[in-house]
């Protein structure tokens, strides 16, 4: 009975996956650097001539292995543009269990800098899904889909790509379960903050303000500029209170100045902190810099 070509190809692909992950292609390095066809054949227990019969040249075989690894990843971790933190966590877990994927893609960037059609096709649906999520107001539209995906993937792989010296300074062993859990939580929180919908869109939906913002002072100064107002749920520039907010206690800021609530200057950084930590709160329209808020207070007073 003739040998099963399907089983032979499967063994060769499995052997090549490990070989290329360990040694790369080696096209730009002198022998014996890089993966060896004879080692792949020996591991798969087949004649190395069959590699050229089934997969072509060594370079073509490498490209196929990289493309298949990306396809397996996409199947195991579906891309969810409407839940990027969830996607980030799932992909982080998958890469932790399959470290060869990162090694393969790393070798591909070093030795095959020109992308293949298969690699481009692996990313294209994700970019299109992100563009659709932006149109629906699910993901921030202030950053391009390509930038969002690059930044999210960078956050996901940050711990694996970090210097061993840096990882050694973590409070736990770099690869202990406790350290991985802590880093995963920080990473998904960073993805959520990065990709959260634009605040203006959320304000239009009239999402109820968070508790911290209902206690925050309202500040406004006349004139244009990104920090010309800090209002509850309004971009009009008027001091109209958001529904459910406490009544205003105002005083004049001087000739021609707008009224604002009377609060101690020390309270103002709380506005900035609330905005930074609660990007989904509609009250945090422009309070994104403690220094800017402090400067605004000095201008007003």
C-alpha atoms as a PDB file:
ATOM      1  CA  UNK A   1       0.000   0.000   0.000  1.00  0.00           C
ATOM      2  CA  UNK A   2       1.497   3.410  -0.967  1.00  0.00           C
ATOM      3  CA  UNK A   3       2.354   5.789   1.843  1.00  0.00           C
ATOM      4  CA  UNK A   4      -0.260   8.337   2.925  1.00  0.00           C
ATOM      5  CA  UNK A   5       0.850  11.663   1.444  1.00  0.00           C
ATOM      6  CA  UNK A   6      -1.443  13.574   3.814  1.00  0.00           C
ATOM      7  CA  UNK A   7       0.170  12.012   6.879  1.00  0.00           C
ATOM      8  CA  UNK A   8       3.630  12.680   5.446  1.00  0.00           C
ATOM      9  CA  UNK A   9       2.826  16.345   4.830  1.00  0.00           C
ATOM     10  CA  UNK A  10       1.395  16.690   8.341  1.00  0.00           C
ATOM     11  CA  UNK A  11       4.566  15.267   9.902  1.00  0.00           C
ATOM     12  CA  UNK A  12       6.718  17.545   7.779  1.00  0.00           C
ATOM     13  CA  UNK A  13       4.680  20.609   8.743  1.00  0.00           C
ATOM     14  CA  UNK A  14       4.886  19.760  12.448  1.00  0.00           C
ATOM     15  CA  UNK A  15       8.635  19.226  12.237  1.00  0.00           C
ATOM     16  CA  UNK A  16       9.153  22.394  10.198  1.00  0.00           C
ATOM     17  CA  UNK A  17       7.074  24.440  12.649  1.00  0.00           C
ATOM     18  CA  UNK A  18       9.458  23.628  15.477  1.00  0.00           C
ATOM     19  CA  UNK A  19      12.605  23.851  13.359  1.00  0.00           C
ATOM     20  CA  UNK A  20      11.784  27.242  11.861  1.00  0.00           C
ATOM     21  CA  UNK A  21      10.675  28.597  15.264  1.00  0.00           C
ATOM     22  CA  UNK A  22      13.978  27.524  16.806  1.00  0.00           C
ATOM     23  CA  UNK A  23      16.375  28.546  14.036  1.00  0.00           C
ATOM     24  CA  UNK A  24      14.594  30.832  11.592  1.00  0.00           C
ATOM     25  CA  UNK A  25      15.038  30.611   7.847  1.00  0.00           C
ATOM     26  CA  UNK A  26      18.726  31.504   7.775  1.00  0.00           C
ATOM     27  CA  UNK A  27      18.559  32.943   4.258  1.00  0.00           C
ATOM     28  CA  UNK A  28      20.648  36.001   5.145  1.00  0.00           C
ATOM     29  CA  UNK A  29      23.116  34.137   7.366  1.00  0.00           C
ATOM     30  CA  UNK A  30      26.009  31.859   6.402  1.00  0.00           C
ATOM     31  CA  UNK A  31      25.669  28.100   6.991  1.00  0.00           C
ATOM     32  CA  UNK A  32      25.074  26.344   9.281  1.00  0.00           C
ATOM     33  CA  UNK A  33      22.825  29.107  10.638  1.00  0.00           C
ATOM     34  CA  UNK A  34      19.085  28.760  10.241  1.00  0.00           C
ATOM     35  CA  UNK A  35      16.784  25.808   9.879  1.00  0.00           C
ATOM     36  CA  UNK A  36      18.129  22.669   8.201  1.00  0.00           C
ATOM     37  CA  UNK A  37      16.056  20.714   5.706  1.00  0.00           C
ATOM     38  CA  UNK A  38      17.776  17.468   6.688  1.00  0.00           C
ATOM     39  CA  UNK A  39      16.810  18.014  10.360  1.00  0.00           C
ATOM     40  CA  UNK A  40      13.190  18.573   9.346  1.00  0.00           C
ATOM     41  CA  UNK A  41      13.210  15.392   7.267  1.00  0.00           C
ATOM     42  CA  UNK A  42      14.867  13.410  10.046  1.00  0.00           C
ATOM     43  CA  UNK A  43      12.362  14.615  12.620  1.00  0.00           C
ATOM     44  CA  UNK A  44       9.457  13.757  10.302  1.00  0.00           C
ATOM     45  CA  UNK A  45      11.089  10.433   9.389  1.00  0.00           C
ATOM     46  CA  UNK A  46      10.825  11.014   5.651  1.00  0.00           C
ATOM     47  CA  UNK A  47      13.206  11.485   2.744  1.00  0.00           C
ATOM     48  CA  UNK A  48      14.117  15.172   2.515  1.00  0.00           C
ATOM     49  CA  UNK A  49      13.399  15.075  -1.215  1.00  0.00           C
ATOM     50  CA  UNK A  50       9.703  14.954  -0.300  1.00  0.00           C
ATOM     51  CA  UNK A  51       9.988  18.435   1.220  1.00  0.00           C
ATOM     52  CA  UNK A  52      10.744  19.873  -2.222  1.00  0.00           C
ATOM     53  CA  UNK A  53       8.040  17.718  -3.796  1.00  0.00           C
ATOM     54  CA  UNK A  54       5.298  18.869  -1.434  1.00  0.00           C
ATOM     55  CA  UNK A  55       6.378  22.397  -0.434  1.00  0.00           C
ATOM     56  CA  UNK A  56       8.898  23.754  -2.935  1.00  0.00           C
ATOM     57  CA  UNK A  57      11.993  25.612  -1.816  1.00  0.00           C
ATOM     58  CA  UNK A  58      13.059  26.113   1.766  1.00  0.00           C
ATOM     59  CA  UNK A  59      11.934  29.751   1.601  1.00  0.00           C
ATOM     60  CA  UNK A  60       8.500  28.787   0.279  1.00  0.00           C
ATOM     61  CA  UNK A  61       8.208  26.172   3.020  1.00  0.00           C
ATOM     62  CA  UNK A  62       9.042  28.801   5.638  1.00  0.00           C
ATOM     63  CA  UNK A  63       6.427  31.217   4.266  1.00  0.00           C
ATOM     64  CA  UNK A  64       3.815  28.459   4.333  1.00  0.00           C
ATOM     65  CA  UNK A  65       4.600  27.533   7.936  1.00  0.00           C
ATOM     66  CA  UNK A  66       4.317  31.186   9.055  1.00  0.00           C
ATOM     67  CA  UNK A  67       1.024  31.614   7.186  1.00  0.00           C
ATOM     68  CA  UNK A  68      -0.402  28.426   8.697  1.00  0.00           C
ATOM     69  CA  UNK A  69       0.606  29.507  12.201  1.00  0.00           C
ATOM     70  CA  UNK A  70      -1.241  32.799  11.729  1.00  0.00           C
ATOM     71  CA  UNK A  71      -4.276  30.991  10.338  1.00  0.00           C
ATOM     72  CA  UNK A  72      -4.329  28.611  13.318  1.00  0.00           C
ATOM     73  CA  UNK A  73      -4.085  31.585  15.662  1.00  0.00           C
ATOM     74  CA  UNK A  74      -6.969  33.377  13.934  1.00  0.00           C
ATOM     75  CA  UNK A  75      -9.120  30.260  14.211  1.00  0.00           C
ATOM     76  CA  UNK A  76      -8.293  29.694  17.872  1.00  0.00           C
ATOM     77  CA  UNK A  77      -8.701  33.371  18.874  1.00  0.00           C
ATOM     78  CA  UNK A  78     -11.408  35.054  16.774  1.00  0.00           C
ATOM     79  CA  UNK A  79     -10.961  38.791  16.408  1.00  0.00           C
ATOM     80  CA  UNK A  80     -13.643  40.754  18.262  1.00  0.00           C
ATOM     81  CA  UNK A  81     -13.543  44.427  17.327  1.00  0.00           C
ATOM     82  CA  UNK A  82     -16.432  45.094  19.725  1.00  0.00           C
ATOM     83  CA  UNK A  83     -14.468  43.613  22.656  1.00  0.00           C
ATOM     84  CA  UNK A  84     -10.796  44.409  22.160  1.00  0.00           C
ATOM     85  CA  UNK A  85      -9.832  43.886  25.838  1.00  0.00           C
ATOM     86  CA  UNK A  86     -11.378  40.409  25.685  1.00  0.00           C
ATOM     87  CA  UNK A  87      -9.550  39.672  22.444  1.00  0.00           C
ATOM     88  CA  UNK A  88      -6.295  40.916  23.945  1.00  0.00           C
ATOM     89  CA  UNK A  89      -6.657  38.632  26.955  1.00  0.00           C
ATOM     90  CA  UNK A  90      -7.489  35.599  24.829  1.00  0.00           C
ATOM     91  CA  UNK A  91      -4.588  36.224  22.451  1.00  0.00           C
ATOM     92  CA  UNK A  92      -2.217  36.758  25.384  1.00  0.00           C
ATOM     93  CA  UNK A  93      -3.246  33.361  26.752  1.00  0.00           C
ATOM     94  CA  UNK A  94      -2.830  31.662  23.361  1.00  0.00           C
ATOM     95  CA  UNK A  95       0.650  33.092  22.813  1.00  0.00           C
ATOM     96  CA  UNK A  96       1.635  32.047  26.302  1.00  0.00           C
ATOM     97  CA  UNK A  97       0.695  28.462  25.408  1.00  0.00           C
ATOM     98  CA  UNK A  98       2.207  28.657  21.892  1.00  0.00           C
ATOM     99  CA  UNK A  99       5.439  30.679  22.185  1.00  0.00           C
ATOM    100  CA  UNK A 100       6.621  29.368  18.823  1.00  0.00           C
ATOM    101  CA  UNK A 101       4.177  31.733  17.092  1.00  0.00           C
ATOM    102  CA  UNK A 102       6.018  34.804  18.342  1.00  0.00           C
ATOM    103  CA  UNK A 103       9.368  33.269  17.459  1.00  0.00           C
ATOM    104  CA  UNK A 104       8.170  32.470  13.934  1.00  0.00           C
ATOM    105  CA  UNK A 105       6.775  35.950  13.322  1.00  0.00           C
ATOM    106  CA  UNK A 106       9.942  37.449  14.765  1.00  0.00           C
ATOM    107  CA  UNK A 107      12.116  35.448  12.380  1.00  0.00           C
ATOM    108  CA  UNK A 108       9.803  36.388   9.503  1.00  0.00           C
ATOM    109  CA  UNK A 109      10.233  40.102  10.212  1.00  0.00           C
ATOM    110  CA  UNK A 110      13.999  39.725  10.325  1.00  0.00           C
ATOM    111  CA  UNK A 111      14.476  37.461   7.325  1.00  0.00           C
ATOM    112  CA  UNK A 112      11.403  38.060   5.164  1.00  0.00           C
ATOM    113  CA  UNK A 113      10.686  41.790   5.616  1.00  0.00           C
ATOM    114  CA  UNK A 114       8.437  41.937   2.560  1.00  0.00           C
ATOM    115  CA  UNK A 115       4.969  40.707   3.585  1.00  0.00           C
ATOM    116  CA  UNK A 116       3.397  37.801   1.744  1.00  0.00           C
ATOM    117  CA  UNK A 117      -0.134  37.903   0.370  1.00  0.00           C
ATOM    118  CA  UNK A 118      -1.225  35.397   3.016  1.00  0.00           C
ATOM    119  CA  UNK A 119       0.113  37.564   5.834  1.00  0.00           C
ATOM    120  CA  UNK A 120      -1.650  40.647   4.471  1.00  0.00           C
ATOM    121  CA  UNK A 121      -4.884  38.684   4.117  1.00  0.00           C
ATOM    122  CA  UNK A 122      -4.609  37.649   7.770  1.00  0.00           C
ATOM    123  CA  UNK A 123      -4.684  41.296   8.889  1.00  0.00           C
ATOM    124  CA  UNK A 124      -7.103  42.766   6.348  1.00  0.00           C
ATOM    125  CA  UNK A 125     -10.353  41.487   7.969  1.00  0.00           C
ATOM    126  CA  UNK A 126      -9.225  42.870  11.340  1.00  0.00           C
ATOM    127  CA  UNK A 127      -8.648  46.328   9.882  1.00  0.00           C
ATOM    128  CA  UNK A 128     -12.055  46.229   8.199  1.00  0.00           C
ATOM    129  CA  UNK A 129     -13.728  45.102  11.435  1.00  0.00           C
ATOM    130  CA  UNK A 130     -12.076  47.933  13.364  1.00  0.00           C
ATOM    131  CA  UNK A 131     -13.232  50.474  10.786  1.00  0.00           C
ATOM    132  CA  UNK A 132     -16.776  49.162  11.181  1.00  0.00           C
ATOM    133  CA  UNK A 133     -16.543  49.356  14.972  1.00  0.00           C
ATOM    134  CA  UNK A 134     -15.392  52.968  14.679  1.00  0.00           C
ATOM    135  CA  UNK A 135     -18.388  53.841  12.525  1.00  0.00           C
ATOM    136  CA  UNK A 136     -20.675  52.312  15.151  1.00  0.00           C
ATOM    137  CA  UNK A 137     -19.022  54.296  17.951  1.00  0.00           C
ATOM    138  CA  UNK A 138     -17.724  51.153  19.679  1.00  0.00           C
ATOM    139  CA  UNK A 139     -14.032  52.000  19.262  1.00  0.00           C
ATOM    140  CA  UNK A 140     -12.313  55.375  19.288  1.00  0.00           C
ATOM    141  CA  UNK A 141     -12.254  57.059  15.890  1.00  0.00           C
ATOM    142  CA  UNK A 142      -9.360  59.367  16.792  1.00  0.00           C
ATOM    143  CA  UNK A 143      -6.813  56.685  15.836  1.00  0.00           C
ATOM    144  CA  UNK A 144      -6.610  54.821  12.531  1.00  0.00           C
ATOM    145  CA  UNK A 145      -7.525  51.107  12.507  1.00  0.00           C
ATOM    146  CA  UNK A 146      -3.963  50.134  11.556  1.00  0.00           C
ATOM    147  CA  UNK A 147      -2.561  52.116  14.481  1.00  0.00           C
ATOM    148  CA  UNK A 148      -5.104  50.623  16.879  1.00  0.00           C
ATOM    149  CA  UNK A 149      -4.255  47.070  15.832  1.00  0.00           C
ATOM    150  CA  UNK A 150      -0.502  47.705  15.978  1.00  0.00           C
ATOM    151  CA  UNK A 151      -0.767  49.226  19.462  1.00  0.00           C
ATOM    152  CA  UNK A 152      -3.047  46.484  20.767  1.00  0.00           C
ATOM    153  CA  UNK A 153      -0.745  43.758  19.448  1.00  0.00           C
ATOM    154  CA  UNK A 154       2.210  45.604  20.937  1.00  0.00           C
ATOM    155  CA  UNK A 155       0.555  45.639  24.355  1.00  0.00           C
ATOM    156  CA  UNK A 156      -0.315  41.954  24.086  1.00  0.00           C
ATOM    157  CA  UNK A 157       3.288  40.959  23.327  1.00  0.00           C
ATOM    158  CA  UNK A 158       4.956  43.571  25.570  1.00  0.00           C
ATOM    159  CA  UNK A 159       5.865  41.178  28.389  1.00  0.00           C
ATOM    160  CA  UNK A 160       7.282  38.522  26.084  1.00  0.00           C
ATOM    161  CA  UNK A 161       9.272  41.169  24.190  1.00  0.00           C
ATOM    162  CA  UNK A 162      10.513  42.973  27.308  1.00  0.00           C
ATOM    163  CA  UNK A 163      14.171  42.781  28.261  1.00  0.00           C
ATOM    164  CA  UNK A 164      14.965  39.952  30.694  1.00  0.00           C
ATOM    165  CA  UNK A 165      16.611  42.597  32.872  1.00  0.00           C
ATOM    166  CA  UNK A 166      13.349  44.532  33.041  1.00  0.00           C
ATOM    167  CA  UNK A 167      11.288  41.419  33.718  1.00  0.00           C
ATOM    168  CA  UNK A 168      13.646  40.513  36.570  1.00  0.00           C
ATOM    169  CA  UNK A 169      12.604  43.697  38.405  1.00  0.00           C
ATOM    170  CA  UNK A 170       8.965  42.626  38.670  1.00  0.00           C
ATOM    171  CA  UNK A 171       7.800  41.881  42.223  1.00  0.00           C
ATOM    172  CA  UNK A 172       7.201  38.216  41.323  1.00  0.00           C
ATOM    173  CA  UNK A 173       9.108  35.664  39.277  1.00  0.00           C
ATOM    174  CA  UNK A 174       8.772  36.862  35.643  1.00  0.00           C
ATOM    175  CA  UNK A 175       6.852  33.786  34.465  1.00  0.00           C
ATOM    176  CA  UNK A 176       5.093  32.792  37.676  1.00  0.00           C
ATOM    177  CA  UNK A 177       1.288  32.470  37.582  1.00  0.00           C
ATOM    178  CA  UNK A 178       0.968  35.479  39.903  1.00  0.00           C
ATOM    179  CA  UNK A 179       3.097  37.674  37.614  1.00  0.00           C
ATOM    180  CA  UNK A 180       1.259  36.570  34.485  1.00  0.00           C
ATOM    181  CA  UNK A 181      -2.131  37.277  36.064  1.00  0.00           C
ATOM    182  CA  UNK A 182      -1.000  40.720  37.217  1.00  0.00           C
ATOM    183  CA  UNK A 183       0.475  41.656  33.845  1.00  0.00           C
ATOM    184  CA  UNK A 184      -2.536  40.313  31.958  1.00  0.00           C
ATOM    185  CA  UNK A 185      -4.863  42.494  34.047  1.00  0.00           C
ATOM    186  CA  UNK A 186      -2.705  45.573  33.449  1.00  0.00           C
ATOM    187  CA  UNK A 187      -2.490  44.830  29.734  1.00  0.00           C
ATOM    188  CA  UNK A 188      -6.235  44.415  29.196  1.00  0.00           C
ATOM    189  CA  UNK A 189      -6.904  47.593  31.189  1.00  0.00           C
ATOM    190  CA  UNK A 190      -4.453  49.458  28.947  1.00  0.00           C
ATOM    191  CA  UNK A 191      -6.174  48.119  25.824  1.00  0.00           C
ATOM    192  CA  UNK A 192      -9.544  49.217  27.178  1.00  0.00           C
ATOM    193  CA  UNK A 193      -8.264  52.735  27.921  1.00  0.00           C
ATOM    194  CA  UNK A 194      -6.581  52.996  24.521  1.00  0.00           C
ATOM    195  CA  UNK A 195      -9.561  51.886  22.446  1.00  0.00           C
ATOM    196  CA  UNK A 196     -12.468  53.320  24.454  1.00  0.00           C
ATOM    197  CA  UNK A 197     -15.015  55.230  22.343  1.00  0.00           C
ATOM    198  CA  UNK A 198     -14.587  58.965  22.029  1.00  0.00           C
ATOM    199  CA  UNK A 199     -15.976  60.820  25.028  1.00  0.00           C
ATOM    200  CA  UNK A 200     -18.002  63.181  22.859  1.00  0.00           C
ATOM    201  CA  UNK A 201     -19.914  60.242  21.399  1.00  0.00           C
ATOM    202  CA  UNK A 202     -20.633  58.860  24.841  1.00  0.00           C
ATOM    203  CA  UNK A 203     -21.777  62.264  26.087  1.00  0.00           C
ATOM    204  CA  UNK A 204     -24.324  62.415  23.293  1.00  0.00           C
ATOM    205  CA  UNK A 205     -25.713  59.123  24.541  1.00  0.00           C
ATOM    206  CA  UNK A 206     -26.190  60.801  27.934  1.00  0.00           C
ATOM    207  CA  UNK A 207     -24.559  58.083  29.941  1.00  0.00           C
ATOM    208  CA  UNK A 208     -25.041  58.808  33.659  1.00  0.00           C
ATOM    209  CA  UNK A 209     -21.994  60.435  35.235  1.00  0.00           C
ATOM    210  CA  UNK A 210     -19.727  58.455  37.483  1.00  0.00           C
ATOM    211  CA  UNK A 211     -19.768  59.112  41.220  1.00  0.00           C
ATOM    212  CA  UNK A 212     -16.394  60.851  41.197  1.00  0.00           C
ATOM    213  CA  UNK A 213     -17.529  63.342  38.564  1.00  0.00           C
ATOM    214  CA  UNK A 214     -20.731  64.241  40.393  1.00  0.00           C
ATOM    215  CA  UNK A 215     -18.502  65.474  43.210  1.00  0.00           C
ATOM    216  CA  UNK A 216     -16.072  67.308  40.932  1.00  0.00           C
ATOM    217  CA  UNK A 217     -16.013  71.103  40.453  1.00  0.00           C
ATOM    218  CA  UNK A 218     -17.181  72.671  37.221  1.00  0.00           C
ATOM    219  CA  UNK A 219     -14.674  75.042  35.743  1.00  0.00           C
ATOM    220  CA  UNK A 220     -14.937  77.225  32.670  1.00  0.00           C
ATOM    221  CA  UNK A 221     -12.927  80.011  31.145  1.00  0.00           C
ATOM    222  CA  UNK A 222     -13.877  82.205  28.187  1.00  0.00           C
ATOM    223  CA  UNK A 223     -12.201  81.894  24.809  1.00  0.00           C
ATOM    224  CA  UNK A 224     -11.200  79.016  22.515  1.00  0.00           C
ATOM    225  CA  UNK A 225      -8.891  76.190  23.312  1.00  0.00           C
ATOM    226  CA  UNK A 226      -9.058  72.508  24.252  1.00  0.00           C
ATOM    227  CA  UNK A 227      -9.351  73.338  27.952  1.00  0.00           C
ATOM    228  CA  UNK A 228     -11.885  76.160  27.580  1.00  0.00           C
ATOM    229  CA  UNK A 229     -14.491  74.222  29.518  1.00  0.00           C
ATOM    230  CA  UNK A 230     -15.048  71.271  31.797  1.00  0.00           C
ATOM    231  CA  UNK A 231     -18.753  70.567  31.760  1.00  0.00           C
ATOM    232  CA  UNK A 232     -21.054  67.769  32.851  1.00  0.00           C
ATOM    233  CA  UNK A 233     -22.441  66.140  29.703  1.00  0.00           C
ATOM    234  CA  UNK A 234     -22.387  69.252  27.507  1.00  0.00           C
ATOM    235  CA  UNK A 235     -20.104  70.568  24.800  1.00  0.00           C
ATOM    236  CA  UNK A 236     -22.033  73.818  24.346  1.00  0.00           C
ATOM    237  CA  UNK A 237     -19.847  75.929  26.609  1.00  0.00           C
ATOM    238  CA  UNK A 238     -22.766  76.797  28.877  1.00  0.00           C
ATOM    239  CA  UNK A 239     -22.888  76.036  32.569  1.00  0.00           C
ATOM    240  CA  UNK A 240     -26.009  73.914  32.269  1.00  0.00           C
ATOM    241  CA  UNK A 241     -25.931  71.170  34.908  1.00  0.00           C
ATOM    242  CA  UNK A 242     -26.153  67.553  33.896  1.00  0.00           C
ATOM    243  CA  UNK A 243     -29.301  65.774  35.039  1.00  0.00           C
ATOM    244  CA  UNK A 244     -28.823  64.544  38.581  1.00  0.00           C
ATOM    245  CA  UNK A 245     -25.863  66.798  39.335  1.00  0.00           C
ATOM    246  CA  UNK A 246     -25.720  68.932  42.482  1.00  0.00           C
ATOM    247  CA  UNK A 247     -26.757  72.595  42.186  1.00  0.00           C
ATOM    248  CA  UNK A 248     -24.081  75.131  41.301  1.00  0.00           C
ATOM    249  CA  UNK A 249     -22.525  77.493  43.800  1.00  0.00           C
ATOM    250  CA  UNK A 250     -20.812  80.074  41.614  1.00  0.00           C
ATOM    251  CA  UNK A 251     -18.698  83.146  41.979  1.00  0.00           C
ATOM    252  CA  UNK A 252     -17.345  85.560  39.384  1.00  0.00           C
ATOM    253  CA  UNK A 253     -13.801  85.132  38.113  1.00  0.00           C
ATOM    254  CA  UNK A 254     -13.446  88.844  37.428  1.00  0.00           C
ATOM    255  CA  UNK A 255     -14.403  91.330  34.738  1.00  0.00           C
ATOM    256  CA  UNK A 256     -15.566  89.477  31.673  1.00  0.00           C
ATOM    257  CA  UNK A 257     -14.861  86.128  33.226  1.00  0.00           C
ATOM    258  CA  UNK A 258     -17.244  83.206  33.413  1.00  0.00           C
ATOM    259  CA  UNK A 259     -18.606  81.941  36.733  1.00  0.00           C
ATOM    260  CA  UNK A 260     -17.346  78.706  38.166  1.00  0.00           C
ATOM    261  CA  UNK A 261     -17.883  76.618  41.260  1.00  0.00           C
ATOM    262  CA  UNK A 262     -16.039  77.649  44.359  1.00  0.00           C
ATOM    263  CA  UNK A 263     -13.721  74.816  45.320  1.00  0.00           C
ATOM    264  CA  UNK A 264     -10.206  74.576  46.652  1.00  0.00           C
ATOM    265  CA  UNK A 265      -7.487  74.329  44.022  1.00  0.00           C
ATOM    266  CA  UNK A 266      -6.350  71.028  45.551  1.00  0.00           C
ATOM    267  CA  UNK A 267      -9.603  69.418  44.381  1.00  0.00           C
ATOM    268  CA  UNK A 268      -8.970  70.129  40.711  1.00  0.00           C
ATOM    269  CA  UNK A 269      -6.520  67.301  40.019  1.00  0.00           C
ATOM    270  CA  UNK A 270      -9.331  64.928  41.013  1.00  0.00           C
ATOM    271  CA  UNK A 271     -11.164  66.033  37.875  1.00  0.00           C
ATOM    272  CA  UNK A 272      -8.184  65.060  35.768  1.00  0.00           C
ATOM    273  CA  UNK A 273      -7.752  61.751  37.571  1.00  0.00           C
ATOM    274  CA  UNK A 274     -11.422  60.914  37.137  1.00  0.00           C
ATOM    275  CA  UNK A 275     -11.144  61.635  33.416  1.00  0.00           C
ATOM    276  CA  UNK A 276      -8.030  59.512  32.986  1.00  0.00           C
ATOM    277  CA  UNK A 277      -9.349  56.528  34.914  1.00  0.00           C
ATOM    278  CA  UNK A 278     -12.952  56.718  33.703  1.00  0.00           C
ATOM    279  CA  UNK A 279     -12.770  57.371  29.954  1.00  0.00           C
ATOM    280  CA  UNK A 280     -16.354  56.210  29.512  1.00  0.00           C
ATOM    281  CA  UNK A 281     -17.764  58.890  31.826  1.00  0.00           C
ATOM    282  CA  UNK A 282     -19.380  61.639  29.684  1.00  0.00           C
ATOM    283  CA  UNK A 283     -18.341  64.276  32.211  1.00  0.00           C
ATOM    284  CA  UNK A 284     -14.667  63.752  31.450  1.00  0.00           C
ATOM    285  CA  UNK A 285     -14.833  65.678  28.187  1.00  0.00           C
ATOM    286  CA  UNK A 286     -11.505  67.460  28.251  1.00  0.00           C
ATOM    287  CA  UNK A 287     -10.077  66.954  31.735  1.00  0.00           C
ATOM    288  CA  UNK A 288      -7.110  64.883  30.640  1.00  0.00           C
ATOM    289  CA  UNK A 289      -4.151  66.720  32.121  1.00  0.00           C
ATOM    290  CA  UNK A 290      -3.539  67.603  35.747  1.00  0.00           C
ATOM    291  CA  UNK A 291      -1.119  70.329  34.729  1.00  0.00           C
ATOM    292  CA  UNK A 292      -3.615  71.820  32.309  1.00  0.00           C
ATOM    293  CA  UNK A 293      -6.339  71.860  34.958  1.00  0.00           C
ATOM    294  CA  UNK A 294      -4.019  73.486  37.465  1.00  0.00           C
ATOM    295  CA  UNK A 295      -3.014  76.082  34.892  1.00  0.00           C
ATOM    296  CA  UNK A 296      -6.676  76.711  34.173  1.00  0.00           C
ATOM    297  CA  UNK A 297      -7.323  77.261  37.848  1.00  0.00           C
ATOM    298  CA  UNK A 298      -4.480  79.759  38.084  1.00  0.00           C
ATOM    299  CA  UNK A 299      -5.852  81.597  35.039  1.00  0.00           C
ATOM    300  CA  UNK A 300      -9.327  81.761  36.547  1.00  0.00           C
ATOM    301  CA  UNK A 301      -8.270  82.880  39.992  1.00  0.00           C
END
